[in-house]
Amino acid sequence: MTRRFVVVTLLLLALSASSVFADNVSGKMTVVQTNSNGMRFFFGGKGLSLFTTSAEHRELLLGAFLRKANVDAAYTKIACPGGITGTCGTVTFVSVDVSAIP
């Protein structure tokens, strides 16, 4: 009985921790903005604002925005700053469709 309880508890802990990493988005950005939080990339159809201070993420996302390329990004949810509505997050992973980049 104790063994079953431990297995179930570990399974529930693993499932709750995995939901932290489950937030992602696919699509094209409609707005890019520079502010005190770094750069903000807005996915209009999804009402999602992603922020990054990473030079690598910023370069990939900006290149994708300028070329209107599809992006896959993972993010961690944060409270939206400064009156921004919708969902906000900080970028943890970025993948860009290379067929749109010459």
PDB file of N, CA and C in Angstrom:
ATOM      1  N   MET A   1       0.820  -1.202   0.000  1.00  0.00           N
ATOM      2  CA  MET A   1       0.000   0.000   0.000  1.00  0.00           C
ATOM      3  C   MET A   1       0.857   1.257   0.000  1.00  0.00           C
ATOM      4  N   THR A   2       1.901   1.271   0.810  1.00  0.00           N
ATOM      5  CA  THR A   2       2.775   2.431   0.870  1.00  0.00           C
ATOM      6  C   THR A   2       3.473   2.653  -0.461  1.00  0.00           C
ATOM      7  N   ARG A   3       3.861   1.573  -1.105  1.00  0.00           N
ATOM      8  CA  ARG A   3       4.534   1.685  -2.400  1.00  0.00           C
ATOM      9  C   ARG A   3       3.612   2.313  -3.437  1.00  0.00           C
ATOM     10  N   ARG A   4       2.359   1.902  -3.458  1.00  0.00           N
ATOM     11  CA  ARG A   4       1.387   2.467  -4.405  1.00  0.00           C
ATOM     12  C   ARG A   4       1.207   3.959  -4.144  1.00  0.00           C
ATOM     13  N   PHE A   5       1.122   4.346  -2.879  1.00  0.00           N
ATOM     14  CA  PHE A   5       0.983   5.760  -2.506  1.00  0.00           C
ATOM     15  C   PHE A   5       2.173   6.568  -3.005  1.00  0.00           C
ATOM     16  N   VAL A   6       3.382   6.045  -2.852  1.00  0.00           N
ATOM     17  CA  VAL A   6       4.591   6.744  -3.303  1.00  0.00           C
ATOM     18  C   VAL A   6       4.584   6.895  -4.817  1.00  0.00           C
ATOM     19  N   VAL A   7       4.213   5.853  -5.540  1.00  0.00           N
ATOM     20  CA  VAL A   7       4.180   5.907  -7.002  1.00  0.00           C
ATOM     21  C   VAL A   7       3.148   6.932  -7.480  1.00  0.00           C
ATOM     22  N   VAL A   8       1.972   6.913  -6.899  1.00  0.00           N
ATOM     23  CA  VAL A   8       0.930   7.871  -7.282  1.00  0.00           C
ATOM     24  C   VAL A   8       1.369   9.303  -6.961  1.00  0.00           C
ATOM     25  N   THR A   9       1.980   9.499  -5.801  1.00  0.00           N
ATOM     26  CA  THR A   9       2.447  10.830  -5.418  1.00  0.00           C
ATOM     27  C   THR A   9       3.510  11.335  -6.385  1.00  0.00           C
ATOM     28  N   LEU A  10       4.466  10.484  -6.739  1.00  0.00           N
ATOM     29  CA  LEU A  10       5.507  10.879  -7.692  1.00  0.00           C
ATOM     30  C   LEU A  10       4.926  11.189  -9.063  1.00  0.00           C
ATOM     31  N   LEU A  11       3.957  10.403  -9.494  1.00  0.00           N
ATOM     32  CA  LEU A  11       3.311  10.651 -10.772  1.00  0.00           C
ATOM     33  C   LEU A  11       2.602  11.999 -10.775  1.00  0.00           C
ATOM     34  N   LEU A  12       1.879  12.307  -9.716  1.00  0.00           N
ATOM     35  CA  LEU A  12       1.193  13.600  -9.623  1.00  0.00           C
ATOM     36  C   LEU A  12       2.181  14.757  -9.588  1.00  0.00           C
ATOM     37  N   LEU A  13       3.281  14.607  -8.896  1.00  0.00           N
ATOM     38  CA  LEU A  13       4.311  15.651  -8.872  1.00  0.00           C
ATOM     39  C   LEU A  13       4.917  15.859 -10.253  1.00  0.00           C
ATOM     40  N   ALA A  14       5.183  14.779 -10.962  1.00  0.00           N
ATOM     41  CA  ALA A  14       5.751  14.883 -12.303  1.00  0.00           C
ATOM     42  C   ALA A  14       4.781  15.573 -13.263  1.00  0.00           C
ATOM     43  N   LEU A  15       3.504  15.233 -13.172  1.00  0.00           N
ATOM     44  CA  LEU A  15       2.520  15.859 -14.054  1.00  0.00           C
ATOM     45  C   LEU A  15       2.346  17.338 -13.746  1.00  0.00           C
ATOM     46  N   SER A  16       2.367  17.711 -12.486  1.00  0.00           N
ATOM     47  CA  SER A  16       2.220  19.128 -12.149  1.00  0.00           C
ATOM     48  C   SER A  16       3.447  19.920 -12.561  1.00  0.00           C
ATOM     49  N   ALA A  17       4.631  19.339 -12.471  1.00  0.00           N
ATOM     50  CA  ALA A  17       5.858  20.043 -12.884  1.00  0.00           C
ATOM     51  C   ALA A  17       5.930  20.168 -14.392  1.00  0.00           C
ATOM     52  N   SER A  18       5.457  19.184 -15.133  1.00  0.00           N
ATOM     53  CA  SER A  18       5.548  19.247 -16.593  1.00  0.00           C
ATOM     54  C   SER A  18       4.648  20.326 -17.169  1.00  0.00           C
ATOM     55  N   SER A  19       3.581  20.704 -16.474  1.00  0.00           N
ATOM     56  CA  SER A  19       2.701  21.746 -16.992  1.00  0.00           C
ATOM     57  C   SER A  19       3.393  23.105 -17.001  1.00  0.00           C
ATOM     58  N   VAL A  20       4.439  23.286 -16.195  1.00  0.00           N
ATOM     59  CA  VAL A  20       5.194  24.533 -16.186  1.00  0.00           C
ATOM     60  C   VAL A  20       5.866  24.743 -17.528  1.00  0.00           C
ATOM     61  N   PHE A  21       6.310  23.670 -18.158  1.00  0.00           N
ATOM     62  CA  PHE A  21       7.037  23.768 -19.413  1.00  0.00           C
ATOM     63  C   PHE A  21       6.134  23.593 -20.640  1.00  0.00           C
ATOM     64  N   ALA A  22       4.836  23.490 -20.454  1.00  0.00           N
ATOM     65  CA  ALA A  22       3.931  23.153 -21.546  1.00  0.00           C
ATOM     66  C   ALA A  22       3.487  24.348 -22.371  1.00  0.00           C
ATOM     67  N   ASP A  23       3.750  25.583 -21.929  1.00  0.00           N
ATOM     68  CA  ASP A  23       3.261  26.746 -22.656  1.00  0.00           C
ATOM     69  C   ASP A  23       4.109  26.998 -23.893  1.00  0.00           C
ATOM     70  N   ASN A  24       3.445  27.019 -25.046  1.00  0.00           N
ATOM     71  CA  ASN A  24       4.153  27.302 -26.295  1.00  0.00           C
ATOM     72  C   ASN A  24       3.211  27.967 -27.273  1.00  0.00           C
ATOM     73  N   VAL A  25       3.791  28.514 -28.327  1.00  0.00           N
ATOM     74  CA  VAL A  25       3.019  29.194 -29.347  1.00  0.00           C
ATOM     75  C   VAL A  25       3.632  28.909 -30.704  1.00  0.00           C
ATOM     76  N   SER A  26       2.786  28.836 -31.714  1.00  0.00           N
ATOM     77  CA  SER A  26       3.219  28.702 -33.100  1.00  0.00           C
ATOM     78  C   SER A  26       2.478  29.744 -33.909  1.00  0.00           C
ATOM     79  N   GLY A  27       3.186  30.427 -34.788  1.00  0.00           N
ATOM     80  CA  GLY A  27       2.539  31.414 -35.634  1.00  0.00           C
ATOM     81  C   GLY A  27       3.464  32.546 -36.009  1.00  0.00           C
ATOM     82  N   LYS A  28       2.841  33.643 -36.467  1.00  0.00           N
ATOM     83  CA  LYS A  28       3.591  34.818 -36.896  1.00  0.00           C
ATOM     84  C   LYS A  28       3.325  35.974 -35.944  1.00  0.00           C
ATOM     85  N   MET A  29       4.341  36.765 -35.733  1.00  0.00           N
ATOM     86  CA  MET A  29       4.226  37.939 -34.862  1.00  0.00           C
ATOM     87  C   MET A  29       3.668  39.114 -35.656  1.00  0.00           C
ATOM     88  N   THR A  30       2.931  39.978 -34.968  1.00  0.00           N
ATOM     89  CA  THR A  30       2.351  41.141 -35.640  1.00  0.00           C
ATOM     90  C   THR A  30       2.945  42.461 -35.165  1.00  0.00           C
ATOM     91  N   VAL A  31       3.564  42.477 -33.974  1.00  0.00           N
ATOM     92  CA  VAL A  31       4.142  43.716 -33.427  1.00  0.00           C
ATOM     93  C   VAL A  31       5.437  43.377 -32.706  1.00  0.00           C
ATOM     94  N   VAL A  32       6.423  44.267 -32.851  1.00  0.00           N
ATOM     95  CA  VAL A  32       7.656  44.181 -32.066  1.00  0.00           C
ATOM     96  C   VAL A  32       7.835  45.519 -31.379  1.00  0.00           C
ATOM     97  N   GLN A  33       8.176  45.491 -30.095  1.00  0.00           N
ATOM     98  CA  GLN A  33       8.319  46.725 -29.318  1.00  0.00           C
ATOM     99  C   GLN A  33       9.529  46.589 -28.403  1.00  0.00           C
ATOM    100  N   THR A  34      10.295  47.669 -28.280  1.00  0.00           N
ATOM    101  CA  THR A  34      11.394  47.712 -27.315  1.00  0.00           C
ATOM    102  C   THR A  34      10.916  48.482 -26.104  1.00  0.00           C
ATOM    103  N   ASN A  35      11.183  47.918 -24.919  1.00  0.00           N
ATOM    104  CA  ASN A  35      10.813  48.601 -23.682  1.00  0.00           C
ATOM    105  C   ASN A  35      11.798  48.247 -22.581  1.00  0.00           C
ATOM    106  N   SER A  36      11.506  48.648 -21.369  1.00  0.00           N
ATOM    107  CA  SER A  36      12.428  48.418 -20.256  1.00  0.00           C
ATOM    108  C   SER A  36      12.585  46.944 -19.902  1.00  0.00           C
ATOM    109  N   ASN A  37      11.670  46.101 -20.352  1.00  0.00           N
ATOM    110  CA  ASN A  37      11.748  44.661 -20.081  1.00  0.00           C
ATOM    111  C   ASN A  37      12.511  43.911 -21.164  1.00  0.00           C
ATOM    112  N   GLY A  38      13.148  44.616 -22.077  1.00  0.00           N
ATOM    113  CA  GLY A  38      13.817  43.980 -23.211  1.00  0.00           C
ATOM    114  C   GLY A  38      13.005  44.243 -24.460  1.00  0.00           C
ATOM    115  N   MET A  39      12.749  43.196 -25.231  1.00  0.00           N
ATOM    116  CA  MET A  39      11.917  43.337 -26.425  1.00  0.00           C
ATOM    117  C   MET A  39      10.639  42.542 -26.231  1.00  0.00           C
ATOM    118  N   ARG A  40       9.562  43.118 -26.747  1.00  0.00           N
ATOM    119  CA  ARG A  40       8.248  42.472 -26.678  1.00  0.00           C
ATOM    120  C   ARG A  40       7.864  42.046 -28.085  1.00  0.00           C
ATOM    121  N   PHE A  41       7.470  40.790 -28.224  1.00  0.00           N
ATOM    122  CA  PHE A  41       7.005  40.244 -29.498  1.00  0.00           C
ATOM    123  C   PHE A  41       5.561  39.824 -29.297  1.00  0.00           C
ATOM    124  N   PHE A  42       4.654  40.381 -30.097  1.00  0.00           N
ATOM    125  CA  PHE A  42       3.221  40.169 -29.918  1.00  0.00           C
ATOM    126  C   PHE A  42       2.670  39.278 -31.012  1.00  0.00           C
ATOM    127  N   PHE A  43       1.977  38.224 -30.606  1.00  0.00           N
ATOM    128  CA  PHE A  43       1.269  37.331 -31.523  1.00  0.00           C
ATOM    129  C   PHE A  43      -0.197  37.743 -31.488  1.00  0.00           C
ATOM    130  N   GLY A  44      -0.622  38.547 -32.466  1.00  0.00           N
ATOM    131  CA  GLY A  44      -1.928  39.193 -32.464  1.00  0.00           C
ATOM    132  C   GLY A  44      -3.116  38.266 -32.369  1.00  0.00           C
ATOM    133  N   GLY A  45      -3.161  37.231 -33.156  1.00  0.00           N
ATOM    134  CA  GLY A  45      -4.307  36.335 -33.157  1.00  0.00           C
ATOM    135  C   GLY A  45      -4.469  35.560 -31.859  1.00  0.00           C
ATOM    136  N   LYS A  46      -3.404  35.504 -31.082  1.00  0.00           N
ATOM    137  CA  LYS A  46      -3.431  34.730 -29.844  1.00  0.00           C
ATOM    138  C   LYS A  46      -3.449  35.618 -28.605  1.00  0.00           C
ATOM    139  N   GLY A  47      -3.272  36.928 -28.777  1.00  0.00           N
ATOM    140  CA  GLY A  47      -3.253  37.846 -27.641  1.00  0.00           C
ATOM    141  C   GLY A  47      -2.095  37.578 -26.698  1.00  0.00           C
ATOM    142  N   LEU A  48      -0.950  37.184 -27.254  1.00  0.00           N
ATOM    143  CA  LEU A  48       0.201  36.773 -26.462  1.00  0.00           C
ATOM    144  C   LEU A  48       1.370  37.720 -26.679  1.00  0.00           C
ATOM    145  N   SER A  49       1.919  38.226 -25.589  1.00  0.00           N
ATOM    146  CA  SER A  49       3.124  39.057 -25.634  1.00  0.00           C
ATOM    147  C   SER A  49       4.271  38.279 -25.007  1.00  0.00           C
ATOM    148  N   LEU A  50       5.342  38.093 -25.781  1.00  0.00           N
ATOM    149  CA  LEU A  50       6.522  37.413 -25.265  1.00  0.00           C
ATOM    150  C   LEU A  50       7.651  38.420 -25.107  1.00  0.00           C
ATOM    151  N   PHE A  51       8.353  38.331 -23.989  1.00  0.00           N
ATOM    152  CA  PHE A  51       9.468  39.221 -23.686  1.00  0.00           C
ATOM    153  C   PHE A  51      10.754  38.423 -23.666  1.00  0.00           C
ATOM    154  N   THR A  52      11.848  39.056 -24.112  1.00  0.00           N
ATOM    155  CA  THR A  52      13.148  38.418 -24.023  1.00  0.00           C
ATOM    156  C   THR A  52      14.245  39.456 -23.831  1.00  0.00           C
ATOM    157  N   THR A  53      15.241  39.078 -23.056  1.00  0.00           N
ATOM    158  CA  THR A  53      16.449  39.890 -22.922  1.00  0.00           C
ATOM    159  C   THR A  53      17.634  39.143 -23.514  1.00  0.00           C
ATOM    160  N   SER A  54      17.425  37.900 -23.947  1.00  0.00           N
ATOM    161  CA  SER A  54      18.475  37.089 -24.549  1.00  0.00           C
ATOM    162  C   SER A  54      18.781  37.606 -25.951  1.00  0.00           C
ATOM    163  N   ALA A  55      20.058  37.845 -26.228  1.00  0.00           N
ATOM    164  CA  ALA A  55      20.464  38.338 -27.544  1.00  0.00           C
ATOM    165  C   ALA A  55      20.130  37.323 -28.645  1.00  0.00           C
ATOM    166  N   GLU A  56      20.297  36.045 -28.357  1.00  0.00           N
ATOM    167  CA  GLU A  56      20.025  35.008 -29.358  1.00  0.00           C
ATOM    168  C   GLU A  56      18.536  34.922 -29.676  1.00  0.00           C
ATOM    169  N   HIS A  57      17.706  34.905 -28.647  1.00  0.00           N
ATOM    170  CA  HIS A  57      16.256  34.857 -28.877  1.00  0.00           C
ATOM    171  C   HIS A  57      15.790  36.114 -29.604  1.00  0.00           C
ATOM    172  N   ARG A  58      16.308  37.262 -29.181  1.00  0.00           N
ATOM    173  CA  ARG A  58      15.919  38.539 -29.794  1.00  0.00           C
ATOM    174  C   ARG A  58      16.270  38.548 -31.284  1.00  0.00           C
ATOM    175  N   GLU A  59      17.470  38.088 -31.634  1.00  0.00           N
ATOM    176  CA  GLU A  59      17.899  38.074 -33.034  1.00  0.00           C
ATOM    177  C   GLU A  59      17.035  37.149 -33.884  1.00  0.00           C
ATOM    178  N   LEU A  60      16.756  35.948 -33.370  1.00  0.00           N
ATOM    179  CA  LEU A  60      15.912  35.005 -34.114  1.00  0.00           C
ATOM    180  C   LEU A  60      14.491  35.529 -34.284  1.00  0.00           C
ATOM    181  N   LEU A  61      13.910  36.049 -33.211  1.00  0.00           N
ATOM    182  CA  LEU A  61      12.529  36.540 -33.290  1.00  0.00           C
ATOM    183  C   LEU A  61      12.422  37.775 -34.175  1.00  0.00           C
ATOM    184  N   LEU A  62      13.387  38.668 -34.096  1.00  0.00           N
ATOM    185  CA  LEU A  62      13.352  39.863 -34.934  1.00  0.00           C
ATOM    186  C   LEU A  62      13.508  39.500 -36.411  1.00  0.00           C
ATOM    187  N   GLY A  63      14.417  38.577 -36.716  1.00  0.00           N
ATOM    188  CA  GLY A  63      14.571  38.109 -38.097  1.00  0.00           C
ATOM    189  C   GLY A  63      13.301  37.454 -38.617  1.00  0.00           C
ATOM    190  N   ALA A  64      12.651  36.659 -37.771  1.00  0.00           N
ATOM    191  CA  ALA A  64      11.393  36.012 -38.164  1.00  0.00           C
ATOM    192  C   ALA A  64      10.297  37.036 -38.391  1.00  0.00           C
ATOM    193  N   PHE A  65      10.247  38.065 -37.551  1.00  0.00           N
ATOM    194  CA  PHE A  65       9.240  39.120 -37.718  1.00  0.00           C
ATOM    195  C   PHE A  65       9.441  39.856 -39.037  1.00  0.00           C
ATOM    196  N   LEU A  66      10.672  40.247 -39.332  1.00  0.00           N
ATOM    197  CA  LEU A  66      10.953  41.002 -40.558  1.00  0.00           C
ATOM    198  C   LEU A  66      10.668  40.191 -41.815  1.00  0.00           C
ATOM    199  N   ARG A  67      10.837  38.876 -41.748  1.00  0.00           N
ATOM    200  CA  ARG A  67      10.602  38.006 -42.903  1.00  0.00           C
ATOM    201  C   ARG A  67       9.221  37.350 -42.882  1.00  0.00           C
ATOM    202  N   LYS A  68       8.412  37.698 -41.879  1.00  0.00           N
ATOM    203  CA  LYS A  68       7.070  37.134 -41.721  1.00  0.00           C
ATOM    204  C   LYS A  68       7.105  35.603 -41.687  1.00  0.00           C
ATOM    205  N   ALA A  69       8.097  35.073 -40.978  1.00  0.00           N
ATOM    206  CA  ALA A  69       8.283  33.620 -40.878  1.00  0.00           C
ATOM    207  C   ALA A  69       7.476  33.063 -39.706  1.00  0.00           C
ATOM    208  N   ASN A  70       7.127  31.794 -39.814  1.00  0.00           N
ATOM    209  CA  ASN A  70       6.462  31.103 -38.709  1.00  0.00           C
ATOM    210  C   ASN A  70       7.470  30.804 -37.611  1.00  0.00           C
ATOM    211  N   VAL A  71       7.011  30.932 -36.373  1.00  0.00           N
ATOM    212  CA  VAL A  71       7.847  30.748 -35.197  1.00  0.00           C
ATOM    213  C   VAL A  71       7.193  29.726 -34.270  1.00  0.00           C
ATOM    214  N   ASP A  72       8.001  28.891 -33.687  1.00  0.00           N
ATOM    215  CA  ASP A  72       7.584  28.052 -32.566  1.00  0.00           C
ATOM    216  C   ASP A  72       8.383  28.536 -31.371  1.00  0.00           C
ATOM    217  N   ALA A  73       7.700  28.886 -30.289  1.00  0.00           N
ATOM    218  CA  ALA A  73       8.385  29.391 -29.098  1.00  0.00           C
ATOM    219  C   ALA A  73       7.769  28.790 -27.849  1.00  0.00           C
ATOM    220  N   ALA A  74       8.620  28.452 -26.920  1.00  0.00           N
ATOM    221  CA  ALA A  74       8.171  28.022 -25.590  1.00  0.00           C
ATOM    222  C   ALA A  74       8.410  29.185 -24.642  1.00  0.00           C
ATOM    223  N   TYR A  75       7.547  29.309 -23.646  1.00  0.00           N
ATOM    224  CA  TYR A  75       7.665  30.438 -22.731  1.00  0.00           C
ATOM    225  C   TYR A  75       7.151  30.076 -21.352  1.00  0.00           C
ATOM    226  N   THR A  76       7.586  30.888 -20.396  1.00  0.00           N
ATOM    227  CA  THR A  76       7.110  30.785 -19.028  1.00  0.00           C
ATOM    228  C   THR A  76       6.185  31.959 -18.775  1.00  0.00           C
ATOM    229  N   LYS A  77       4.975  31.695 -18.308  1.00  0.00           N
ATOM    230  CA  LYS A  77       4.008  32.769 -18.074  1.00  0.00           C
ATOM    231  C   LYS A  77       4.478  33.706 -16.978  1.00  0.00           C
ATOM    232  N   ILE A  78       4.214  35.013 -17.206  1.00  0.00           N
ATOM    233  CA  ILE A  78       4.503  36.049 -16.213  1.00  0.00           C
ATOM    234  C   ILE A  78       3.302  36.981 -16.148  1.00  0.00           C
ATOM    235  N   ALA A  79       3.262  37.818 -15.129  1.00  0.00           N
ATOM    236  CA  ALA A  79       2.229  38.858 -15.064  1.00  0.00           C
ATOM    237  C   ALA A  79       2.562  39.913 -16.115  1.00  0.00           C
ATOM    238  N   CYS A  80       1.551  40.371 -16.823  1.00  0.00           N
ATOM    239  CA  CYS A  80       1.772  41.375 -17.867  1.00  0.00           C
ATOM    240  C   CYS A  80       2.121  42.729 -17.240  1.00  0.00           C
ATOM    241  N   PRO A  81       3.205  43.354 -17.708  1.00  0.00           N
ATOM    242  CA  PRO A  81       3.617  44.651 -17.160  1.00  0.00           C
ATOM    243  C   PRO A  81       2.922  45.818 -17.839  1.00  0.00           C
ATOM    244  N   GLY A  82       2.862  46.932 -17.155  1.00  0.00           N
ATOM    245  CA  GLY A  82       2.494  48.214 -17.747  1.00  0.00           C
ATOM    246  C   GLY A  82       1.208  48.288 -18.528  1.00  0.00           C
ATOM    247  N   GLY A  83       0.137  47.683 -18.064  1.00  0.00           N
ATOM    248  CA  GLY A  83      -1.149  47.809 -18.736  1.00  0.00           C
ATOM    249  C   GLY A  83      -1.329  46.945 -19.969  1.00  0.00           C
ATOM    250  N   ILE A  84      -0.402  46.054 -20.248  1.00  0.00           N
ATOM    251  CA  ILE A  84      -0.550  45.140 -21.384  1.00  0.00           C
ATOM    252  C   ILE A  84      -1.598  44.096 -21.019  1.00  0.00           C
ATOM    253  N   THR A  85      -2.526  43.846 -21.914  1.00  0.00           N
ATOM    254  CA  THR A  85      -3.570  42.856 -21.658  1.00  0.00           C
ATOM    255  C   THR A  85      -3.250  41.556 -22.386  1.00  0.00           C
ATOM    256  N   GLY A  86      -3.964  40.525 -22.047  1.00  0.00           N
ATOM    257  CA  GLY A  86      -3.743  39.223 -22.667  1.00  0.00           C
ATOM    258  C   GLY A  86      -2.815  38.378 -21.826  1.00  0.00           C
ATOM    259  N   THR A  87      -2.129  37.461 -22.477  1.00  0.00           N
ATOM    260  CA  THR A  87      -1.181  36.573 -21.814  1.00  0.00           C
ATOM    261  C   THR A  87       0.228  37.060 -22.093  1.00  0.00           C
ATOM    262  N   CYS A  88       1.105  36.994 -21.082  1.00  0.00           N
ATOM    263  CA  CYS A  88       2.491  37.407 -21.248  1.00  0.00           C
ATOM    264  C   CYS A  88       3.417  36.288 -20.792  1.00  0.00           C
ATOM    265  N   GLY A  89       4.622  36.280 -21.366  1.00  0.00           N
ATOM    266  CA  GLY A  89       5.591  35.276 -20.970  1.00  0.00           C
ATOM    267  C   GLY A  89       7.000  35.674 -21.340  1.00  0.00           C
ATOM    268  N   THR A  90       7.955  34.969 -20.760  1.00  0.00           N
ATOM    269  CA  THR A  90       9.358  35.142 -21.127  1.00  0.00           C
ATOM    270  C   THR A  90       9.776  33.937 -21.958  1.00  0.00           C
ATOM    271  N   VAL A  91      10.511  34.196 -23.015  1.00  0.00           N
ATOM    272  CA  VAL A  91      10.900  33.169 -23.975  1.00  0.00           C
ATOM    273  C   VAL A  91      11.936  32.231 -23.354  1.00  0.00           C
ATOM    274  N   THR A  92      11.711  30.916 -23.540  1.00  0.00           N
ATOM    275  CA  THR A  92      12.679  29.928 -23.088  1.00  0.00           C
ATOM    276  C   THR A  92      13.255  29.113 -24.249  1.00  0.00           C
ATOM    277  N   PHE A  93      12.574  29.131 -25.403  1.00  0.00           N
ATOM    278  CA  PHE A  93      13.009  28.367 -26.571  1.00  0.00           C
ATOM    279  C   PHE A  93      12.413  29.007 -27.810  1.00  0.00           C
ATOM    280  N   VAL A  94      13.187  29.043 -28.903  1.00  0.00           N
ATOM    281  CA  VAL A  94      12.692  29.585 -30.171  1.00  0.00           C
ATOM    282  C   VAL A  94      13.139  28.705 -31.317  1.00  0.00           C
ATOM    283  N   SER A  95      12.220  28.462 -32.232  1.00  0.00           N
ATOM    284  CA  SER A  95      12.527  27.768 -33.480  1.00  0.00           C
ATOM    285  C   SER A  95      11.858  28.546 -34.603  1.00  0.00           C
ATOM    286  N   VAL A  96      12.605  28.810 -35.677  1.00  0.00           N
ATOM    287  CA  VAL A  96      12.081  29.594 -36.799  1.00  0.00           C
ATOM    288  C   VAL A  96      12.093  28.731 -38.052  1.00  0.00           C
ATOM    289  N   ASP A  97      11.040  28.844 -38.858  1.00  0.00           N
ATOM    290  CA  ASP A  97      10.947  28.135 -40.134  1.00  0.00           C
ATOM    291  C   ASP A  97      12.027  28.686 -41.067  1.00  0.00           C
ATOM    292  N   VAL A  98      13.062  27.886 -41.325  1.00  0.00           N
ATOM    293  CA  VAL A  98      14.212  28.365 -42.093  1.00  0.00           C
ATOM    294  C   VAL A  98      13.895  28.587 -43.573  1.00  0.00           C
ATOM    295  N   SER A  99      12.794  28.068 -44.084  1.00  0.00           N
ATOM    296  CA  SER A  99      12.466  28.281 -45.487  1.00  0.00           C
ATOM    297  C   SER A  99      12.147  29.742 -45.772  1.00  0.00           C
ATOM    298  N   ALA A 100      11.837  30.528 -44.740  1.00  0.00           N
ATOM    299  CA  ALA A 100      11.533  31.944 -44.919  1.00  0.00           C
ATOM    300  C   ALA A 100      12.766  32.826 -44.764  1.00  0.00           C
ATOM    301  N   ILE A 101      13.895  32.245 -44.386  1.00  0.00           N
ATOM    302  CA  ILE A 101      15.103  33.036 -44.189  1.00  0.00           C
ATOM    303  C   ILE A 101      16.090  32.712 -45.314  1.00  0.00           C
ATOM    304  N   PRO A 102      16.470  33.746 -46.090  1.00  0.00           N
ATOM    305  CA  PRO A 102      17.381  33.493 -47.227  1.00  0.00           C
ATOM    306  C   PRO A 102      18.790  33.128 -46.783  1.00  0.00           C
TER     307      PRO A 102
END
